[in-house]
Amino acid sequence: MKVGVIGAGVMGSGVAQSAAQAGHQVILVDVKEEVLEQAKATIYQNVRFAGFYQKDKQLDSVDVVMPRITFTSDYAQLADVEIVVENVPEVWEIKRDVYLKMNEVCDENCVFLVNTSCISITKIASLMKRPDKVIGVHFMNPVPMKPTVESIKGWHTSEETIQFTNDFLGSMEKKAIMVNDLPGFVSNRLSHLLMNEAAYVVQDQVADPKSVDDIFKECFGHKMGPLETADLIGLDTVVQSLDILYESYQDPKFRVCPLLRKMVEAGLHGRKSGQGFYKY
C-alpha cells in the first residue's frame, strides 16, 4: 500500500517508520526541510536499533526500510496514495489548511486518518469532499512501540472506511479501540486533566515533579507519571489540547494551569526543547 504521512515531527516520524517497517511505501511530507532531515536521521537510528528492543520479531534491516520512505515538502506526491495519516499541530487553522490542500490533491477514494488529540473528527470531515473517508486514529507515543490506538468514528465515517483502516493498522500489528466523536475522545479528556492538575500541584508547592510522578508510578503502578508524560508529548501540545477542550466544552476543569502556560511561553516544551518539568 502507498501511504501518505503529513507532519514529520515525533508522531509523524513514528507513523512513517511503523508503516515502512510493515512493508508499505511511504510519502512523508513536511513544510520544513530541517524537520524532514531530522526525521530521516531519527527513523534511521530507530530502525537500526529496533532489533534490540523487539528481539522476538523478524525485522527488515535499515537498508531495506529506508528506501521505502520518500521525504518531501511537495503535496503533489500524495496524488496516488491510498491512505493519509495527518499529524500536524493541534491548531485549527493549520489543520484546516492541510485538509483543504489534500482535498485538491488526493484521489477521491483516499482514506484520511486524523491523528489528533482533541479536535473533532466530524469538524475536520466537514472540510472534505468525501467526509465518509475521514476517521480519527490517535496513535500513542512512541508509535513503533505502542500496539494499540484510539480510533474515532466521525458522524459520516463509513463502515468501509473503518474496515480499511483496521486492515492498515493490522498490517502494523496494531489494535484499534473504537470510540465516538467528541473533542478529546476518551484518552485525552482523561489524561490531560491529570497532566493539568499535576502542574497545579507543582505550582501550589504541594510536591516537586519527581514526587508527583513517583506517586503515580509507585502507588498506582503507572509506567510514567503525568509530568513525564507531558514532557514526552510536549508542553506546548498539551496546552494547545487543553485550550481546545476548554473552548469545546466551556468547562472550567479544562482551564490551563498558569505554570504550564508560563513554561511554554518560556520555551520549556519538554523533551524536544531539552527542558520541561525535567532537564534532558
Protein backbone atom coordinates (compact mmCIF):
# COMPACT_ATOMS: atom_id res chain seq x y z
CA MET A 1 0.00 0.00 0.00
CA LYS A 2 1.14 3.57 -0.68
CA VAL A 3 0.76 5.68 2.46
CA GLY A 4 0.97 9.44 2.90
CA VAL A 5 2.11 10.86 6.24
CA ILE A 6 1.70 14.59 6.89
CA GLY A 7 3.98 16.12 9.50
CA ALA A 8 7.47 14.77 10.19
CA GLY A 9 7.66 15.55 13.90
CA VAL A 10 7.77 12.95 16.66
CA MET A 11 4.39 11.36 15.86
CA GLY A 12 4.66 11.59 12.08
CA SER A 13 8.15 10.07 12.09
CA GLY A 14 6.89 7.22 14.25
CA VAL A 15 3.94 6.54 11.93
CA ALA A 16 6.18 6.66 8.85
CA GLN A 17 8.65 4.26 10.46
CA SER A 18 5.93 1.81 11.50
CA ALA A 19 4.31 1.85 8.05
CA ALA A 20 7.65 1.36 6.28
CA GLN A 21 8.62 -1.48 8.60
CA ALA A 22 5.27 -3.09 7.73
CA GLY A 23 6.27 -3.05 4.06
CA HIS A 24 4.31 -0.02 2.86
CA GLN A 25 5.66 2.69 0.57
CA VAL A 26 5.55 5.97 2.49
CA ILE A 27 5.44 9.61 1.35
CA LEU A 28 6.44 11.70 4.39
CA VAL A 29 5.52 15.37 3.89
CA ASP A 30 6.58 18.39 5.93
CA VAL A 31 6.89 22.08 5.05
CA LYS A 32 10.27 22.41 6.78
CA GLU A 33 13.35 20.81 5.24
CA GLU A 34 15.19 20.77 8.56
CA VAL A 35 12.34 18.79 10.12
CA LEU A 36 12.50 16.27 7.27
CA GLU A 37 16.26 15.90 7.74
CA GLN A 38 15.80 15.34 11.47
CA ALA A 39 13.06 12.80 10.77
CA LYS A 40 15.31 10.92 8.36
CA ALA A 41 18.10 10.72 10.95
CA THR A 42 15.70 9.70 13.73
CA ILE A 43 13.97 6.99 11.70
CA TYR A 44 17.36 5.64 10.53
CA GLN A 45 18.57 5.29 14.12
CA ASN A 46 15.29 3.83 15.38
CA VAL A 47 15.13 1.20 12.64
CA ARG A 48 18.80 0.38 13.06
CA PHE A 49 18.34 -0.42 16.75
CA ALA A 50 14.77 -1.79 16.59
CA GLY A 51 16.06 -5.36 16.77
CA PHE A 52 17.49 -4.76 20.23
CA TYR A 53 14.04 -3.87 21.59
CA GLN A 54 11.97 -6.34 19.56
CA LYS A 55 14.09 -9.47 19.66
CA ASP A 56 11.03 -11.69 19.24
CA LYS A 57 10.31 -10.26 15.76
CA GLN A 58 12.00 -10.73 12.40
CA LEU A 59 12.52 -7.12 11.26
CA ASP A 60 13.77 -5.79 7.94
CA SER A 61 17.18 -4.12 8.02
CA VAL A 62 17.61 -0.37 7.85
CA ASP A 63 18.87 -0.71 4.25
CA VAL A 64 15.55 -2.31 3.29
CA VAL A 65 13.25 0.01 5.27
CA MET A 66 14.69 3.46 4.48
CA PRO A 67 14.24 3.27 0.66
CA ARG A 68 10.51 2.74 1.28
CA ILE A 69 10.22 6.30 2.63
CA THR A 70 10.21 9.41 0.43
CA PHE A 71 10.93 12.65 2.34
CA THR A 72 9.36 15.65 0.63
CA SER A 73 7.66 19.03 1.02
CA ASP A 74 5.62 18.50 -2.17
CA TYR A 75 1.94 17.70 -1.52
CA ALA A 76 1.54 16.71 -5.18
CA GLN A 77 3.29 13.44 -4.36
CA LEU A 78 0.17 12.41 -2.43
CA ALA A 79 -1.88 12.20 -5.62
CA ASP A 80 -1.94 8.38 -5.74
CA VAL A 81 -1.72 7.38 -2.09
CA GLU A 82 -4.46 5.11 -0.73
CA ILE A 83 -4.37 6.43 2.81
CA VAL A 84 -3.05 9.55 4.56
CA VAL A 85 -2.14 9.89 8.23
CA GLU A 86 -2.14 13.54 9.31
CA ASN A 87 -0.01 14.60 12.31
CA VAL A 88 0.24 18.40 12.23
CA PRO A 89 -0.02 20.57 15.40
CA GLU A 90 -3.29 20.91 17.32
CA VAL A 91 -4.09 24.30 15.80
CA TRP A 92 -7.34 24.50 13.82
CA GLU A 93 -6.02 26.96 11.23
CA ILE A 94 -3.07 24.67 10.44
CA LYS A 95 -5.26 21.56 10.29
CA ARG A 96 -7.79 23.32 8.07
CA ASP A 97 -5.20 24.45 5.52
CA VAL A 98 -3.66 20.97 5.34
CA TYR A 99 -7.01 19.28 4.67
CA LEU A 100 -8.01 21.83 2.06
CA LYS A 101 -4.73 21.09 0.25
CA MET A 102 -5.31 17.34 0.45
CA ASN A 103 -8.88 17.81 -0.78
CA GLU A 104 -7.47 19.12 -4.05
CA VAL A 105 -4.52 16.74 -4.41
CA CYS A 106 -5.61 13.31 -3.17
CA ASP A 107 -7.65 10.71 -5.02
CA GLU A 108 -11.38 10.69 -4.24
CA ASN A 109 -11.06 7.17 -2.76
CA CYS A 110 -8.22 8.10 -0.41
CA VAL A 111 -8.88 7.46 3.29
CA PHE A 112 -7.81 10.16 5.77
CA LEU A 113 -6.63 9.20 9.25
CA VAL A 114 -6.70 12.17 11.62
CA ASN A 115 -4.04 11.68 14.29
CA THR A 116 -5.42 14.33 16.61
CA SER A 117 -5.51 14.64 20.37
CA CYS A 118 -8.67 16.69 20.76
CA ILE A 119 -10.13 18.23 17.58
CA SER A 120 -13.48 16.82 16.43
CA ILE A 121 -13.24 14.34 13.55
CA THR A 122 -16.64 15.49 12.28
CA LYS A 123 -15.42 19.10 12.16
CA ILE A 124 -12.39 18.09 10.09
CA ALA A 125 -14.52 15.88 7.82
CA SER A 126 -16.74 18.88 7.07
CA LEU A 127 -13.85 20.30 5.02
CA MET A 128 -13.63 17.27 2.74
CA LYS A 129 -15.37 16.24 -0.47
CA ARG A 130 -15.76 12.72 0.96
CA PRO A 131 -16.46 13.07 4.71
CA ASP A 132 -17.21 9.34 4.84
CA LYS A 133 -13.48 8.74 4.15
CA VAL A 134 -12.34 10.57 7.31
CA ILE A 135 -11.64 8.71 10.56
CA GLY A 136 -9.74 9.54 13.73
CA VAL A 137 -6.76 7.41 14.70
CA HIS A 138 -5.00 8.63 17.83
CA PHE A 139 -1.60 6.91 17.83
CA MET A 140 0.24 6.67 21.14
CA ASN A 141 3.84 7.77 21.63
CA PRO A 142 6.29 6.23 20.81
CA VAL A 143 4.32 4.92 17.84
CA PRO A 144 6.54 1.93 16.88
CA MET A 145 6.36 0.55 20.44
CA LYS A 146 2.65 1.02 21.20
CA PRO A 147 0.40 -1.85 19.99
CA THR A 148 -2.96 -0.11 20.49
CA VAL A 149 -4.56 3.06 19.14
CA GLU A 150 -7.72 5.00 19.92
CA SER A 151 -9.91 5.06 16.81
CA ILE A 152 -12.66 7.66 16.47
CA LYS A 153 -15.76 7.37 14.29
CA GLY A 154 -16.95 10.72 12.95
CA TRP A 155 -20.58 11.45 12.11
CA HIS A 156 -20.11 10.44 8.46
CA THR A 157 -17.35 7.80 8.78
CA SER A 158 -18.41 4.74 6.76
CA GLU A 159 -18.07 1.09 7.76
CA GLU A 160 -15.92 0.61 4.66
CA THR A 161 -13.52 3.28 5.94
CA ILE A 162 -13.42 1.65 9.38
CA GLN A 163 -12.59 -1.76 7.89
CA PHE A 164 -9.95 -0.32 5.55
CA THR A 165 -8.36 1.50 8.49
CA ASN A 166 -8.40 -1.60 10.67
CA ASP A 167 -6.70 -3.59 7.91
CA PHE A 168 -4.00 -0.92 7.61
CA LEU A 169 -3.46 -0.84 11.37
CA GLY A 170 -3.42 -4.63 11.46
CA SER A 171 -0.59 -4.67 8.93
CA MET A 172 1.42 -2.72 11.53
CA GLU A 173 0.29 -5.15 14.25
CA LYS A 174 -1.81 -2.51 15.97
CA LYS A 175 -5.22 -2.96 17.55
CA ALA A 176 -7.86 -0.20 17.40
CA ILE A 177 -10.29 0.59 20.21
CA MET A 178 -13.23 2.40 18.62
CA VAL A 179 -14.89 5.35 20.38
CA ASN A 180 -17.34 8.05 19.31
CA ASP A 181 -16.52 11.60 18.33
CA LEU A 182 -16.48 14.38 20.89
CA PRO A 183 -13.42 16.63 21.41
CA GLY A 184 -10.73 14.86 23.40
CA PHE A 185 -12.43 11.49 22.90
CA VAL A 186 -11.51 9.19 25.83
CA SER A 187 -7.75 9.23 26.25
CA ASN A 188 -7.15 12.98 26.21
CA ARG A 189 -10.24 14.05 28.12
CA LEU A 190 -8.81 11.96 30.96
CA SER A 191 -5.03 12.22 30.54
CA HIS A 192 -4.96 16.00 30.06
CA LEU A 193 -6.93 16.54 33.25
CA LEU A 194 -4.26 14.52 35.08
CA MET A 195 -1.37 16.41 33.48
CA ASN A 196 -3.00 19.79 34.10
CA GLU A 197 -3.82 19.02 37.74
CA ALA A 198 -0.30 17.65 38.27
CA ALA A 199 1.04 21.01 37.08
CA TYR A 200 -1.27 22.74 39.59
CA VAL A 201 0.15 20.51 42.36
CA VAL A 202 3.66 21.68 41.46
CA GLN A 203 2.53 25.31 41.12
CA ASP A 204 0.91 25.15 44.58
CA GLN A 205 4.16 23.70 46.02
CA VAL A 206 2.44 20.58 47.30
CA ALA A 207 5.20 18.46 45.74
CA ASP A 208 8.03 18.62 43.23
CA PRO A 209 7.63 16.99 39.78
CA LYS A 210 9.56 13.83 40.72
CA SER A 211 7.40 13.22 43.79
CA VAL A 212 4.21 13.66 41.77
CA ASP A 213 5.39 11.19 39.13
CA ASP A 214 6.75 8.72 41.71
CA ILE A 215 3.33 8.54 43.37
CA PHE A 216 1.75 7.62 40.04
CA LYS A 217 4.41 5.03 39.28
CA GLU A 218 4.96 3.51 42.71
CA CYS A 219 1.49 3.86 44.23
CA PHE A 220 -0.73 3.50 41.16
CA GLY A 221 1.52 1.27 39.04
CA HIS A 222 1.68 3.61 36.03
CA LYS A 223 4.71 3.23 33.76
CA MET A 224 5.11 7.01 33.53
CA GLY A 225 3.91 9.88 35.69
CA PRO A 226 1.71 12.68 34.30
CA LEU A 227 4.52 15.26 34.19
CA GLU A 228 6.94 12.86 32.49
CA THR A 229 4.16 12.18 30.00
CA ALA A 230 3.59 15.89 29.44
CA ASP A 231 7.31 16.38 28.76
CA LEU A 232 7.23 13.49 26.29
CA ILE A 233 4.19 14.81 24.42
CA GLY A 234 5.45 18.40 24.52
CA LEU A 235 4.11 21.01 26.93
CA ASP A 236 3.14 23.24 24.00
CA THR A 237 1.00 20.43 22.58
CA VAL A 238 -0.59 19.79 25.98
CA VAL A 239 -1.52 23.47 26.30
CA GLN A 240 -2.93 23.57 22.76
CA SER A 241 -5.06 20.49 23.50
CA LEU A 242 -6.34 21.89 26.81
CA ASP A 243 -7.29 25.13 25.06
CA ILE A 244 -9.29 23.13 22.51
CA LEU A 245 -11.03 21.17 25.28
CA TYR A 246 -11.89 24.37 27.16
CA GLU A 247 -13.21 26.04 24.00
CA SER A 248 -15.23 22.94 23.07
CA TYR A 249 -16.90 22.30 26.43
CA GLN A 250 -16.68 25.71 28.15
CA ASP A 251 -15.93 23.72 31.30
CA PRO A 252 -13.55 25.32 33.85
CA LYS A 253 -11.97 21.96 34.64
CA PHE A 254 -10.01 22.30 31.35
CA ARG A 255 -8.52 25.73 32.14
CA VAL A 256 -4.77 25.61 31.57
CA CYS A 257 -2.64 25.76 34.71
CA PRO A 258 -0.83 29.17 34.69
CA LEU A 259 2.50 27.47 35.43
CA LEU A 260 2.07 25.22 32.39
CA ARG A 261 1.34 28.15 30.08
CA LYS A 262 4.22 30.17 31.57
CA MET A 263 6.67 27.31 30.91
CA VAL A 264 5.54 27.12 27.28
CA GLU A 265 5.96 30.87 26.87
CA ALA A 266 9.49 30.49 28.30
CA GLY A 267 10.33 27.87 25.66
CA LEU A 268 10.32 24.92 28.08
CA HIS A 269 8.48 22.44 25.88
CA GLY A 270 9.76 19.20 27.39
CA ARG A 271 11.99 16.61 25.78
CA LYS A 272 12.04 18.27 22.36
CA SER A 273 13.45 21.53 23.77
CA GLY A 274 15.75 19.89 26.32
CA GLN A 275 13.80 21.07 29.36
CA GLY A 276 10.28 20.93 30.73
CA PHE A 277 9.47 19.67 34.19
CA TYR A 278 12.79 17.83 33.86
CA LYS A 279 16.09 18.51 32.08
CA TYR A 280 17.13 16.24 29.20
